[in-house]
Amino acid sequence: MEVINLNEKFSQFSEFWSPKVIGSLEGYQIKIAKFKDEFIWHTHEKEDEFFLVISGRVDLHVKQNGKVEVFTLNDGEGLVVPQGIEHMPVSKGISNVLLFEPATTLNTGNVINEMTVEEIEKI
């Protein structure tokens, strides 16, 4: 066991949209990532995702019932995106975000491109 200091963990990397594993439990991983600008629209068919904004502001664009809805998350606010829901995170500045999701979750979900991180570094 070890104490996890989020500030220290976030200081260990600078790249955006590249999650890092900081812990795991019961088949789930606790990840952190730095968000900036737009990510991509994607879906996780079998995994729910929990986003918790540690610092900054993230607009989670979500497509449901043929409409796009935007959920704004500020410091200390979180949102669960259920499996199968198409979504796109957007951060106008730099945001530090904690993610809690099954270990099988690929950051780009059903889309494979240059933003896909298949081997997530543990820090």
C-alpha atoms as a PDB file:
ATOM      1  CA  MET A   1       0.000   0.000   0.000  1.00  0.00           C
ATOM      2  CA  GLU A   2       1.104   3.542  -0.629  1.00  0.00           C
ATOM      3  CA  VAL A   3      -0.368   6.987  -0.230  1.00  0.00           C
ATOM      4  CA  ILE A   4      -1.257   8.484  -3.617  1.00  0.00           C
ATOM      5  CA  ASN A   5      -0.511  12.190  -3.895  1.00  0.00           C
ATOM      6  CA  LEU A   6      -2.408  13.441  -6.963  1.00  0.00           C
ATOM      7  CA  ASN A   7      -0.383  16.659  -7.270  1.00  0.00           C
ATOM      8  CA  GLU A   8       2.849  14.678  -7.307  1.00  0.00           C
ATOM      9  CA  LYS A   9       1.461  12.177  -9.836  1.00  0.00           C
ATOM     10  CA  PHE A  10       0.238  14.927 -12.200  1.00  0.00           C
ATOM     11  CA  SER A  11       3.691  16.566 -12.013  1.00  0.00           C
ATOM     12  CA  GLN A  12       5.311  13.417 -13.465  1.00  0.00           C
ATOM     13  CA  PHE A  13       4.033  13.931 -17.028  1.00  0.00           C
ATOM     14  CA  SER A  14       3.051  16.693 -19.436  1.00  0.00           C
ATOM     15  CA  GLU A  15       1.408  15.019 -22.439  1.00  0.00           C
ATOM     16  CA  PHE A  16      -2.315  15.436 -23.021  1.00  0.00           C
ATOM     17  CA  TRP A  17      -4.941  12.700 -23.483  1.00  0.00           C
ATOM     18  CA  SER A  18      -2.453  10.030 -22.373  1.00  0.00           C
ATOM     19  CA  PRO A  19      -3.822   8.347 -19.236  1.00  0.00           C
ATOM     20  CA  LYS A  20      -1.555   6.990 -16.495  1.00  0.00           C
ATOM     21  CA  VAL A  21      -2.538   4.259 -14.038  1.00  0.00           C
ATOM     22  CA  ILE A  22      -2.120   5.241 -10.386  1.00  0.00           C
ATOM     23  CA  GLY A  23      -3.929   2.301  -8.779  1.00  0.00           C
ATOM     24  CA  SER A  24      -6.188  -0.667  -9.321  1.00  0.00           C
ATOM     25  CA  LEU A  25      -8.862  -2.625  -7.493  1.00  0.00           C
ATOM     26  CA  GLU A  26     -11.261  -5.446  -8.321  1.00  0.00           C
ATOM     27  CA  GLY A  27     -10.615  -5.317 -12.093  1.00  0.00           C
ATOM     28  CA  TYR A  28     -10.861  -1.526 -12.231  1.00  0.00           C
ATOM     29  CA  GLN A  29      -8.118   1.021 -12.749  1.00  0.00           C
ATOM     30  CA  ILE A  30      -7.714   4.475 -11.286  1.00  0.00           C
ATOM     31  CA  LYS A  31      -6.164   6.655 -13.959  1.00  0.00           C
ATOM     32  CA  ILE A  32      -5.202  10.276 -14.284  1.00  0.00           C
ATOM     33  CA  ALA A  33      -4.844  12.329 -17.442  1.00  0.00           C
ATOM     34  CA  LYS A  34      -4.290  15.894 -18.553  1.00  0.00           C
ATOM     35  CA  PHE A  35      -6.958  17.177 -20.931  1.00  0.00           C
ATOM     36  CA  LYS A  36      -6.531  20.098 -23.348  1.00  0.00           C
ATOM     37  CA  ASP A  37      -8.689  21.083 -26.333  1.00  0.00           C
ATOM     38  CA  GLU A  38     -10.926  18.430 -27.909  1.00  0.00           C
ATOM     39  CA  PHE A  39     -10.616  14.668 -27.727  1.00  0.00           C
ATOM     40  CA  ILE A  40     -12.586  12.503 -30.183  1.00  0.00           C
ATOM     41  CA  TRP A  41     -16.144  11.208 -30.278  1.00  0.00           C
ATOM     42  CA  HIS A  42     -16.088   7.590 -29.112  1.00  0.00           C
ATOM     43  CA  THR A  43     -18.070   4.892 -27.324  1.00  0.00           C
ATOM     44  CA  HIS A  44     -17.195   2.180 -24.820  1.00  0.00           C
ATOM     45  CA  GLU A  45     -19.589  -0.650 -25.605  1.00  0.00           C
ATOM     46  CA  LYS A  46     -18.996  -2.634 -22.397  1.00  0.00           C
ATOM     47  CA  GLU A  47     -17.512  -0.171 -19.904  1.00  0.00           C
ATOM     48  CA  ASP A  48     -18.849   2.685 -17.814  1.00  0.00           C
ATOM     49  CA  GLU A  49     -16.421   5.544 -17.130  1.00  0.00           C
ATOM     50  CA  PHE A  50     -16.228   7.924 -14.185  1.00  0.00           C
ATOM     51  CA  PHE A  51     -14.639  11.333 -14.823  1.00  0.00           C
ATOM     52  CA  LEU A  52     -13.627  13.484 -11.820  1.00  0.00           C
ATOM     53  CA  VAL A  53     -12.137  16.914 -12.499  1.00  0.00           C
ATOM     54  CA  ILE A  54      -9.348  17.594 -10.031  1.00  0.00           C
ATOM     55  CA  SER A  55      -8.538  20.996 -11.523  1.00  0.00           C
ATOM     56  CA  GLY A  56      -9.779  22.894 -14.548  1.00  0.00           C
ATOM     57  CA  ARG A  57     -13.009  22.616 -16.479  1.00  0.00           C
ATOM     58  CA  VAL A  58     -14.178  19.808 -18.745  1.00  0.00           C
ATOM     59  CA  ASP A  59     -17.220  19.893 -20.999  1.00  0.00           C
ATOM     60  CA  LEU A  60     -18.393  16.336 -21.640  1.00  0.00           C
ATOM     61  CA  HIS A  61     -20.353  16.283 -24.884  1.00  0.00           C
ATOM     62  CA  VAL A  62     -22.743  13.336 -24.921  1.00  0.00           C
ATOM     63  CA  LYS A  63     -24.956  12.052 -27.734  1.00  0.00           C
ATOM     64  CA  GLN A  64     -28.257  10.630 -26.466  1.00  0.00           C
ATOM     65  CA  ASN A  65     -31.590  10.186 -28.213  1.00  0.00           C
ATOM     66  CA  GLY A  66     -30.360  11.961 -31.333  1.00  0.00           C
ATOM     67  CA  LYS A  67     -29.279  15.087 -29.416  1.00  0.00           C
ATOM     68  CA  VAL A  68     -25.992  16.397 -28.075  1.00  0.00           C
ATOM     69  CA  GLU A  69     -25.999  17.407 -24.432  1.00  0.00           C
ATOM     70  CA  VAL A  70     -23.054  19.088 -22.691  1.00  0.00           C
ATOM     71  CA  PHE A  71     -22.234  18.428 -19.029  1.00  0.00           C
ATOM     72  CA  THR A  72     -19.813  20.972 -17.557  1.00  0.00           C
ATOM     73  CA  LEU A  73     -17.532  19.686 -14.809  1.00  0.00           C
ATOM     74  CA  ASN A  74     -15.506  22.045 -12.633  1.00  0.00           C
ATOM     75  CA  ASP A  75     -13.002  21.339  -9.834  1.00  0.00           C
ATOM     76  CA  GLY A  76     -14.255  18.505  -7.650  1.00  0.00           C
ATOM     77  CA  GLU A  77     -17.158  17.536  -9.936  1.00  0.00           C
ATOM     78  CA  GLY A  78     -17.618  14.172 -11.595  1.00  0.00           C
ATOM     79  CA  LEU A  79     -19.852  12.314 -14.014  1.00  0.00           C
ATOM     80  CA  VAL A  80     -20.440   8.669 -14.907  1.00  0.00           C
ATOM     81  CA  VAL A  81     -20.755   8.050 -18.643  1.00  0.00           C
ATOM     82  CA  PRO A  82     -22.645   4.755 -19.037  1.00  0.00           C
ATOM     83  CA  GLN A  83     -21.487   2.103 -21.477  1.00  0.00           C
ATOM     84  CA  GLY A  84     -22.675   2.558 -25.040  1.00  0.00           C
ATOM     85  CA  ILE A  85     -23.042   6.358 -24.778  1.00  0.00           C
ATOM     86  CA  GLU A  86     -21.077   8.284 -27.403  1.00  0.00           C
ATOM     87  CA  HIS A  87     -19.090  11.084 -25.801  1.00  0.00           C
ATOM     88  CA  MET A  88     -16.296  13.601 -26.365  1.00  0.00           C
ATOM     89  CA  PRO A  89     -14.417  15.399 -23.580  1.00  0.00           C
ATOM     90  CA  VAL A  90     -13.368  19.008 -24.251  1.00  0.00           C
ATOM     91  CA  SER A  91     -11.134  21.180 -22.065  1.00  0.00           C
ATOM     92  CA  LYS A  92     -10.678  24.841 -23.009  1.00  0.00           C
ATOM     93  CA  GLY A  93      -7.544  25.093 -20.870  1.00  0.00           C
ATOM     94  CA  ILE A  94      -5.522  22.405 -19.144  1.00  0.00           C
ATOM     95  CA  SER A  95      -7.544  20.145 -16.857  1.00  0.00           C
ATOM     96  CA  ASN A  96      -6.307  17.420 -14.525  1.00  0.00           C
ATOM     97  CA  VAL A  97      -8.783  14.540 -14.481  1.00  0.00           C
ATOM     98  CA  LEU A  98      -9.104  11.308 -12.509  1.00  0.00           C
ATOM     99  CA  LEU A  99     -10.768   8.379 -14.297  1.00  0.00           C
ATOM    100  CA  PHE A 100     -12.179   5.247 -12.686  1.00  0.00           C
ATOM    101  CA  GLU A 101     -13.015   2.498 -15.155  1.00  0.00           C
ATOM    102  CA  PRO A 102     -12.622  -1.223 -15.884  1.00  0.00           C
ATOM    103  CA  ALA A 103      -9.042  -2.207 -16.725  1.00  0.00           C
ATOM    104  CA  THR A 104     -10.231  -3.284 -20.198  1.00  0.00           C
ATOM    105  CA  THR A 105     -11.209   0.293 -21.143  1.00  0.00           C
ATOM    106  CA  LEU A 106      -9.340   1.676 -24.159  1.00  0.00           C
ATOM    107  CA  ASN A 107      -9.054   5.474 -23.985  1.00  0.00           C
ATOM    108  CA  THR A 108     -10.462   5.906 -27.513  1.00  0.00           C
ATOM    109  CA  GLY A 109     -13.110   3.194 -27.131  1.00  0.00           C
ATOM    110  CA  ASN A 110     -14.403   2.023 -30.499  1.00  0.00           C
ATOM    111  CA  VAL A 111     -11.997   4.284 -32.444  1.00  0.00           C
ATOM    112  CA  ILE A 112      -8.373   3.361 -33.105  1.00  0.00           C
ATOM    113  CA  ASN A 113      -6.200   6.294 -34.177  1.00  0.00           C
ATOM    114  CA  GLU A 114      -3.085   8.265 -33.194  1.00  0.00           C
ATOM    115  CA  MET A 115      -4.679   9.162 -29.828  1.00  0.00           C
ATOM    116  CA  THR A 116      -5.140   5.507 -28.822  1.00  0.00           C
ATOM    117  CA  VAL A 117      -2.999   4.405 -25.860  1.00  0.00           C
ATOM    118  CA  GLU A 118      -2.911   0.613 -25.775  1.00  0.00           C
ATOM    119  CA  GLU A 119      -0.219   0.190 -23.107  1.00  0.00           C
ATOM    120  CA  ILE A 120      -0.960   2.538 -20.226  1.00  0.00           C
ATOM    121  CA  GLU A 121       2.013   3.495 -18.108  1.00  0.00           C
ATOM    122  CA  LYS A 122       1.769   3.023 -14.363  1.00  0.00           C
ATOM    123  CA  ILE A 123       3.203   5.863 -12.329  1.00  0.00           C
END
